[in-house]
Amino acid sequence: MKSYGKVVEYDGGIGTIVGIDDNNYMFLDTDLIDKDIKKNDYVSFDKDLYKDIELTRYMARFVKRINKEDIKN
């Protein structure tokens, strides 16, 4: 499902997006469609949930930079 958010951390390998649903989504550089993503960029992404015995983590896949005005609630 397509979602929207803002990149709050990105070190060139791993980053975090705060989604419009207030969840934190982790992404890897391999999840980027737009390779020029930087901190404070607004993005669209597909939500994914990684779950194992000890860890549940929200993941962002197919991350693409957008304009803030393109965010749909």
PDB file of N, CA and C in Angstrom:
ATOM      1  N   MET A   1       0.845  -1.174   0.000  1.00  0.00           N
ATOM      2  CA  MET A   1       0.000   0.000   0.000  1.00  0.00           C
ATOM      3  C   MET A   1       0.897   1.246   0.000  1.00  0.00           C
ATOM      4  N   LYS A   2       0.588   2.207  -0.858  1.00  0.00           N
ATOM      5  CA  LYS A   2       1.363   3.437  -0.989  1.00  0.00           C
ATOM      6  C   LYS A   2       1.140   4.324   0.224  1.00  0.00           C
ATOM      7  N   SER A   3       2.251   4.862   0.745  1.00  0.00           N
ATOM      8  CA  SER A   3       2.186   5.785   1.862  1.00  0.00           C
ATOM      9  C   SER A   3       3.153   6.935   1.608  1.00  0.00           C
ATOM     10  N   TYR A   4       3.116   7.909   2.502  1.00  0.00           N
ATOM     11  CA  TYR A   4       3.910   9.118   2.355  1.00  0.00           C
ATOM     12  C   TYR A   4       4.550   9.464   3.684  1.00  0.00           C
ATOM     13  N   GLY A   5       5.674  10.178   3.626  1.00  0.00           N
ATOM     14  CA  GLY A   5       6.343  10.575   4.850  1.00  0.00           C
ATOM     15  C   GLY A   5       7.534  11.468   4.575  1.00  0.00           C
ATOM     16  N   LYS A   6       8.333  11.676   5.630  1.00  0.00           N
ATOM     17  CA  LYS A   6       9.504  12.549   5.568  1.00  0.00           C
ATOM     18  C   LYS A   6      10.719  11.790   6.085  1.00  0.00           C
ATOM     19  N   VAL A   7      11.834  11.900   5.363  1.00  0.00           N
ATOM     20  CA  VAL A   7      13.082  11.265   5.783  1.00  0.00           C
ATOM     21  C   VAL A   7      13.646  12.058   6.959  1.00  0.00           C
ATOM     22  N   VAL A   8      13.825  11.400   8.104  1.00  0.00           N
ATOM     23  CA  VAL A   8      14.367  12.079   9.288  1.00  0.00           C
ATOM     24  C   VAL A   8      15.811  11.691   9.563  1.00  0.00           C
ATOM     25  N   GLU A   9      16.250  10.565   9.007  1.00  0.00           N
ATOM     26  CA  GLU A   9      17.635  10.126   9.137  1.00  0.00           C
ATOM     27  C   GLU A   9      18.008   9.382   7.870  1.00  0.00           C
ATOM     28  N   TYR A  10      19.239   9.614   7.385  1.00  0.00           N
ATOM     29  CA  TYR A  10      19.767   8.823   6.287  1.00  0.00           C
ATOM     30  C   TYR A  10      21.269   9.024   6.218  1.00  0.00           C
ATOM     31  N   ASP A  11      22.014   7.926   6.307  1.00  0.00           N
ATOM     32  CA  ASP A  11      23.474   7.999   6.316  1.00  0.00           C
ATOM     33  C   ASP A  11      24.096   7.475   5.027  1.00  0.00           C
ATOM     34  N   GLY A  12      23.290   7.281   4.000  1.00  0.00           N
ATOM     35  CA  GLY A  12      23.786   6.742   2.743  1.00  0.00           C
ATOM     36  C   GLY A  12      23.611   5.241   2.625  1.00  0.00           C
ATOM     37  N   GLY A  13      23.261   4.585   3.714  1.00  0.00           N
ATOM     38  CA  GLY A  13      23.049   3.136   3.712  1.00  0.00           C
ATOM     39  C   GLY A  13      21.723   2.740   4.329  1.00  0.00           C
ATOM     40  N   ILE A  14      21.432   3.308   5.489  1.00  0.00           N
ATOM     41  CA  ILE A  14      20.201   3.016   6.229  1.00  0.00           C
ATOM     42  C   ILE A  14      19.546   4.336   6.603  1.00  0.00           C
ATOM     43  N   GLY A  15      18.210   4.363   6.540  1.00  0.00           N
ATOM     44  CA  GLY A  15      17.514   5.586   6.903  1.00  0.00           C
ATOM     45  C   GLY A  15      16.193   5.305   7.589  1.00  0.00           C
ATOM     46  N   THR A  16      15.570   6.386   8.063  1.00  0.00           N
ATOM     47  CA  THR A  16      14.281   6.310   8.742  1.00  0.00           C
ATOM     48  C   THR A  16      13.349   7.348   8.157  1.00  0.00           C
ATOM     49  N   ILE A  17      12.123   6.922   7.907  1.00  0.00           N
ATOM     50  CA  ILE A  17      11.055   7.795   7.430  1.00  0.00           C
ATOM     51  C   ILE A  17       9.981   7.843   8.498  1.00  0.00           C
ATOM     52  N   VAL A  18       9.486   9.033   8.815  1.00  0.00           N
ATOM     53  CA  VAL A  18       8.296   9.159   9.653  1.00  0.00           C
ATOM     54  C   VAL A  18       7.114   9.282   8.702  1.00  0.00           C
ATOM     55  N   GLY A  19       6.234   8.292   8.748  1.00  0.00           N
ATOM     56  CA  GLY A  19       5.081   8.271   7.861  1.00  0.00           C
ATOM     57  C   GLY A  19       3.979   9.188   8.340  1.00  0.00           C
ATOM     58  N   ILE A  20       3.016   9.458   7.454  1.00  0.00           N
ATOM     59  CA  ILE A  20       1.883  10.301   7.833  1.00  0.00           C
ATOM     60  C   ILE A  20       1.030   9.625   8.901  1.00  0.00           C
ATOM     61  N   ASP A  21       1.240   8.308   9.101  1.00  0.00           N
ATOM     62  CA  ASP A  21       0.542   7.575  10.166  1.00  0.00           C
ATOM     63  C   ASP A  21       1.339   7.587  11.476  1.00  0.00           C
ATOM     64  N   ASP A  22       2.421   8.387  11.538  1.00  0.00           N
ATOM     65  CA  ASP A  22       3.293   8.543  12.709  1.00  0.00           C
ATOM     66  C   ASP A  22       4.114   7.306  13.059  1.00  0.00           C
ATOM     67  N   ASN A  23       4.165   6.317  12.178  1.00  0.00           N
ATOM     68  CA  ASN A  23       5.061   5.171  12.380  1.00  0.00           C
ATOM     69  C   ASN A  23       6.423   5.495  11.784  1.00  0.00           C
ATOM     70  N   ASN A  24       7.474   4.910  12.357  1.00  0.00           N
ATOM     71  CA  ASN A  24       8.826   5.035  11.813  1.00  0.00           C
ATOM     72  C   ASN A  24       9.084   3.848  10.898  1.00  0.00           C
ATOM     73  N   TYR A  25       9.512   4.130   9.677  1.00  0.00           N
ATOM     74  CA  TYR A  25       9.798   3.109   8.681  1.00  0.00           C
ATOM     75  C   TYR A  25      11.285   3.118   8.366  1.00  0.00           C
ATOM     76  N   MET A  26      11.910   1.961   8.450  1.00  0.00           N
ATOM     77  CA  MET A  26      13.322   1.835   8.115  1.00  0.00           C
ATOM     78  C   MET A  26      13.438   1.515   6.629  1.00  0.00           C
ATOM     79  N   PHE A  27      14.488   2.051   5.989  1.00  0.00           N
ATOM     80  CA  PHE A  27      14.760   1.688   4.602  1.00  0.00           C
ATOM     81  C   PHE A  27      16.262   1.551   4.394  1.00  0.00           C
ATOM     82  N   LEU A  28      16.613   0.781   3.395  1.00  0.00           N
ATOM     83  CA  LEU A  28      18.003   0.585   3.007  1.00  0.00           C
ATOM     84  C   LEU A  28      18.245   1.284   1.675  1.00  0.00           C
ATOM     85  N   ASP A  29      19.501   1.526   1.345  1.00  0.00           N
ATOM     86  CA  ASP A  29      19.798   2.172   0.069  1.00  0.00           C
ATOM     87  C   ASP A  29      19.302   1.348  -1.112  1.00  0.00           C
ATOM     88  N   THR A  30      19.162   0.030  -0.952  1.00  0.00           N
ATOM     89  CA  THR A  30      18.649  -0.831  -2.020  1.00  0.00           C
ATOM     90  C   THR A  30      17.146  -0.659  -2.230  1.00  0.00           C
ATOM     91  N   ASP A  31      16.453   0.000  -1.291  1.00  0.00           N
ATOM     92  CA  ASP A  31      15.009   0.231  -1.403  1.00  0.00           C
ATOM     93  C   ASP A  31      14.689   1.521  -2.153  1.00  0.00           C
ATOM     94  N   LEU A  32      15.711   2.276  -2.542  1.00  0.00           N
ATOM     95  CA  LEU A  32      15.498   3.584  -3.162  1.00  0.00           C
ATOM     96  C   LEU A  32      15.294   3.474  -4.659  1.00  0.00           C
ATOM     97  N   ILE A  33      14.248   4.125  -5.154  1.00  0.00           N
ATOM     98  CA  ILE A  33      14.067   4.311  -6.590  1.00  0.00           C
ATOM     99  C   ILE A  33      14.833   5.559  -7.009  1.00  0.00           C
ATOM    100  N   ASP A  34      14.718   6.605  -6.201  1.00  0.00           N
ATOM    101  CA  ASP A  34      15.421   7.869  -6.418  1.00  0.00           C
ATOM    102  C   ASP A  34      16.679   7.844  -5.545  1.00  0.00           C
ATOM    103  N   LYS A  35      17.846   7.728  -6.144  1.00  0.00           N
ATOM    104  CA  LYS A  35      19.094   7.571  -5.396  1.00  0.00           C
ATOM    105  C   LYS A  35      19.591   8.872  -4.771  1.00  0.00           C
ATOM    106  N   ASP A  36      18.921  10.005  -5.018  1.00  0.00           N
ATOM    107  CA  ASP A  36      19.353  11.293  -4.467  1.00  0.00           C
ATOM    108  C   ASP A  36      18.576  11.684  -3.213  1.00  0.00           C
ATOM    109  N   ILE A  37      18.032  10.727  -2.500  1.00  0.00           N
ATOM    110  CA  ILE A  37      17.271  11.001  -1.280  1.00  0.00           C
ATOM    111  C   ILE A  37      18.198  11.572  -0.214  1.00  0.00           C
ATOM    112  N   LYS A  38      17.702  12.600   0.471  1.00  0.00           N
ATOM    113  CA  LYS A  38      18.462  13.236   1.557  1.00  0.00           C
ATOM    114  C   LYS A  38      17.547  13.428   2.765  1.00  0.00           C
ATOM    115  N   LYS A  39      18.164  13.718   3.919  1.00  0.00           N
ATOM    116  CA  LYS A  39      17.406  14.031   5.118  1.00  0.00           C
ATOM    117  C   LYS A  39      16.480  15.211   4.829  1.00  0.00           C
ATOM    118  N   ASN A  40      15.265  15.170   5.363  1.00  0.00           N
ATOM    119  CA  ASN A  40      14.209  16.181   5.230  1.00  0.00           C
ATOM    120  C   ASN A  40      13.475  16.150   3.894  1.00  0.00           C
ATOM    121  N   ASP A  41      13.764  15.180   3.012  1.00  0.00           N
ATOM    122  CA  ASP A  41      13.001  15.030   1.772  1.00  0.00           C
ATOM    123  C   ASP A  41      11.658  14.378   2.082  1.00  0.00           C
ATOM    124  N   TYR A  42      10.640  14.765   1.334  1.00  0.00           N
ATOM    125  CA  TYR A  42       9.340  14.097   1.399  1.00  0.00           C
ATOM    126  C   TYR A  42       9.344  12.977   0.373  1.00  0.00           C
ATOM    127  N   VAL A  43       8.778  11.825   0.761  1.00  0.00           N
ATOM    128  CA  VAL A  43       8.856  10.637  -0.085  1.00  0.00           C
ATOM    129  C   VAL A  43       7.535   9.880  -0.110  1.00  0.00           C
ATOM    130  N   SER A  44       7.373   9.102  -1.167  1.00  0.00           N
ATOM    131  CA  SER A  44       6.311   8.095  -1.219  1.00  0.00           C
ATOM    132  C   SER A  44       7.011   6.741  -1.142  1.00  0.00           C
ATOM    133  N   PHE A  45       6.314   5.743  -0.607  1.00  0.00           N
ATOM    134  CA  PHE A  45       6.903   4.416  -0.439  1.00  0.00           C
ATOM    135  C   PHE A  45       5.804   3.386  -0.245  1.00  0.00           C
ATOM    136  N   ASP A  46       6.174   2.128  -0.418  1.00  0.00           N
ATOM    137  CA  ASP A  46       5.279   1.010  -0.125  1.00  0.00           C
ATOM    138  C   ASP A  46       5.599   0.503   1.272  1.00  0.00           C
ATOM    139  N   LYS A  47       4.571   0.294   2.078  1.00  0.00           N
ATOM    140  CA  LYS A  47       4.750  -0.207   3.446  1.00  0.00           C
ATOM    141  C   LYS A  47       4.993  -1.708   3.438  1.00  0.00           C
ATOM    142  N   ASP A  48       5.858  -2.133   4.350  1.00  0.00           N
ATOM    143  CA  ASP A  48       6.125  -3.549   4.536  1.00  0.00           C
ATOM    144  C   ASP A  48       6.333  -3.778   6.030  1.00  0.00           C
ATOM    145  N   LEU A  49       6.071  -4.980   6.492  1.00  0.00           N
ATOM    146  CA  LEU A  49       6.247  -5.316   7.898  1.00  0.00           C
ATOM    147  C   LEU A  49       7.184  -6.505   8.001  1.00  0.00           C
ATOM    148  N   TYR A  50       8.301  -6.306   8.700  1.00  0.00           N
ATOM    149  CA  TYR A  50       9.245  -7.389   8.959  1.00  0.00           C
ATOM    150  C   TYR A  50       8.987  -7.874  10.374  1.00  0.00           C
ATOM    151  N   LYS A  51       8.788  -9.187  10.504  1.00  0.00           N
ATOM    152  CA  LYS A  51       8.461  -9.733  11.818  1.00  0.00           C
ATOM    153  C   LYS A  51       9.162 -11.070  11.997  1.00  0.00           C
ATOM    154  N   ASP A  52       9.873 -11.209  13.119  1.00  0.00           N
ATOM    155  CA  ASP A  52      10.403 -12.506  13.506  1.00  0.00           C
ATOM    156  C   ASP A  52      10.135 -12.710  14.991  1.00  0.00           C
ATOM    157  N   ILE A  53      10.781 -13.650  15.606  1.00  0.00           N
ATOM    158  CA  ILE A  53      10.503 -14.002  16.997  1.00  0.00           C
ATOM    159  C   ILE A  53      10.750 -12.831  17.944  1.00  0.00           C
ATOM    160  N   GLU A  54      11.832 -12.094  17.739  1.00  0.00           N
ATOM    161  CA  GLU A  54      12.206 -11.039  18.678  1.00  0.00           C
ATOM    162  C   GLU A  54      11.950  -9.627  18.191  1.00  0.00           C
ATOM    163  N   LEU A  55      11.668  -9.437  16.909  1.00  0.00           N
ATOM    164  CA  LEU A  55      11.654  -8.099  16.349  1.00  0.00           C
ATOM    165  C   LEU A  55      10.496  -7.904  15.382  1.00  0.00           C
ATOM    166  N   THR A  56       9.843  -6.773  15.492  1.00  0.00           N
ATOM    167  CA  THR A  56       8.855  -6.343  14.515  1.00  0.00           C
ATOM    168  C   THR A  56       9.271  -4.954  14.062  1.00  0.00           C
ATOM    169  N   ARG A  57       9.399  -4.769  12.769  1.00  0.00           N
ATOM    170  CA  ARG A  57       9.875  -3.487  12.260  1.00  0.00           C
ATOM    171  C   ARG A  57       9.090  -3.121  11.004  1.00  0.00           C
ATOM    172  N   TYR A  58       8.690  -1.861  10.942  1.00  0.00           N
ATOM    173  CA  TYR A  58       8.057  -1.333   9.740  1.00  0.00           C
ATOM    174  C   TYR A  58       9.154  -0.986   8.741  1.00  0.00           C
ATOM    175  N   MET A  59       8.971  -1.401   7.491  1.00  0.00           N
ATOM    176  CA  MET A  59       9.959  -1.173   6.446  1.00  0.00           C
ATOM    177  C   MET A  59       9.320  -0.367   5.312  1.00  0.00           C
ATOM    178  N   ALA A  60      10.140   0.452   4.654  1.00  0.00           N
ATOM    179  CA  ALA A  60       9.708   1.207   3.477  1.00  0.00           C
ATOM    180  C   ALA A  60      10.412   0.612   2.259  1.00  0.00           C
ATOM    181  N   ARG A  61       9.649   0.319   1.234  1.00  0.00           N
ATOM    182  CA  ARG A  61      10.182  -0.233  -0.014  1.00  0.00           C
ATOM    183  C   ARG A  61       9.829   0.717  -1.155  1.00  0.00           C
ATOM    184  N   PHE A  62      10.604   0.712  -2.205  1.00  0.00           N
ATOM    185  CA  PHE A  62      10.353   1.521  -3.408  1.00  0.00           C
ATOM    186  C   PHE A  62      10.189   3.008  -3.053  1.00  0.00           C
ATOM    187  N   VAL A  63      11.175   3.539  -2.348  1.00  0.00           N
ATOM    188  CA  VAL A  63      11.148   4.918  -1.852  1.00  0.00           C
ATOM    189  C   VAL A  63      11.462   5.886  -2.989  1.00  0.00           C
ATOM    190  N   LYS A  64      10.601   6.893  -3.140  1.00  0.00           N
ATOM    191  CA  LYS A  64      10.754   7.874  -4.217  1.00  0.00           C
ATOM    192  C   LYS A  64      10.474   9.272  -3.673  1.00  0.00           C
ATOM    193  N   ARG A  65      11.326  10.223  -4.010  1.00  0.00           N
ATOM    194  CA  ARG A  65      11.154  11.607  -3.553  1.00  0.00           C
ATOM    195  C   ARG A  65       9.967  12.245  -4.264  1.00  0.00           C
ATOM    196  N   ILE A  66       9.199  13.054  -3.502  1.00  0.00           N
ATOM    197  CA  ILE A  66       8.059  13.789  -4.044  1.00  0.00           C
ATOM    198  C   ILE A  66       8.066  15.197  -3.466  1.00  0.00           C
ATOM    199  N   ASN A  67       7.193  16.047  -3.970  1.00  0.00           N
ATOM    200  CA  ASN A  67       6.983  17.374  -3.401  1.00  0.00           C
ATOM    201  C   ASN A  67       6.015  17.254  -2.218  1.00  0.00           C
ATOM    202  N   LYS A  68       6.175  18.115  -1.233  1.00  0.00           N
ATOM    203  CA  LYS A  68       5.303  18.091  -0.062  1.00  0.00           C
ATOM    204  C   LYS A  68       3.838  18.211  -0.468  1.00  0.00           C
ATOM    205  N   GLU A  69       3.563  18.989  -1.514  1.00  0.00           N
ATOM    206  CA  GLU A  69       2.178  19.214  -1.966  1.00  0.00           C
ATOM    207  C   GLU A  69       1.545  17.945  -2.534  1.00  0.00           C
ATOM    208  N   ASP A  70       2.360  16.947  -2.909  1.00  0.00           N
ATOM    209  CA  ASP A  70       1.841  15.702  -3.490  1.00  0.00           C
ATOM    210  C   ASP A  70       1.369  14.704  -2.439  1.00  0.00           C
ATOM    211  N   ILE A  71       1.598  14.997  -1.152  1.00  0.00           N
ATOM    212  CA  ILE A  71       1.216  14.070  -0.082  1.00  0.00           C
ATOM    213  C   ILE A  71      -0.298  14.050   0.049  1.00  0.00           C
ATOM    214  N   LYS A  72      -0.827  12.821   0.027  1.00  0.00           N
ATOM    215  CA  LYS A  72      -2.279  12.621   0.156  1.00  0.00           C
ATOM    216  C   LYS A  72      -2.557  11.944   1.480  1.00  0.00           C
ATOM    217  N   ASN A  73      -3.441  12.510   2.269  1.00  0.00           N
ATOM    218  CA  ASN A  73      -3.792  11.909   3.579  1.00  0.00           C
ATOM    219  C   ASN A  73      -4.759  10.781   3.416  1.00  0.00           C
TER     220      ASN A  73
END
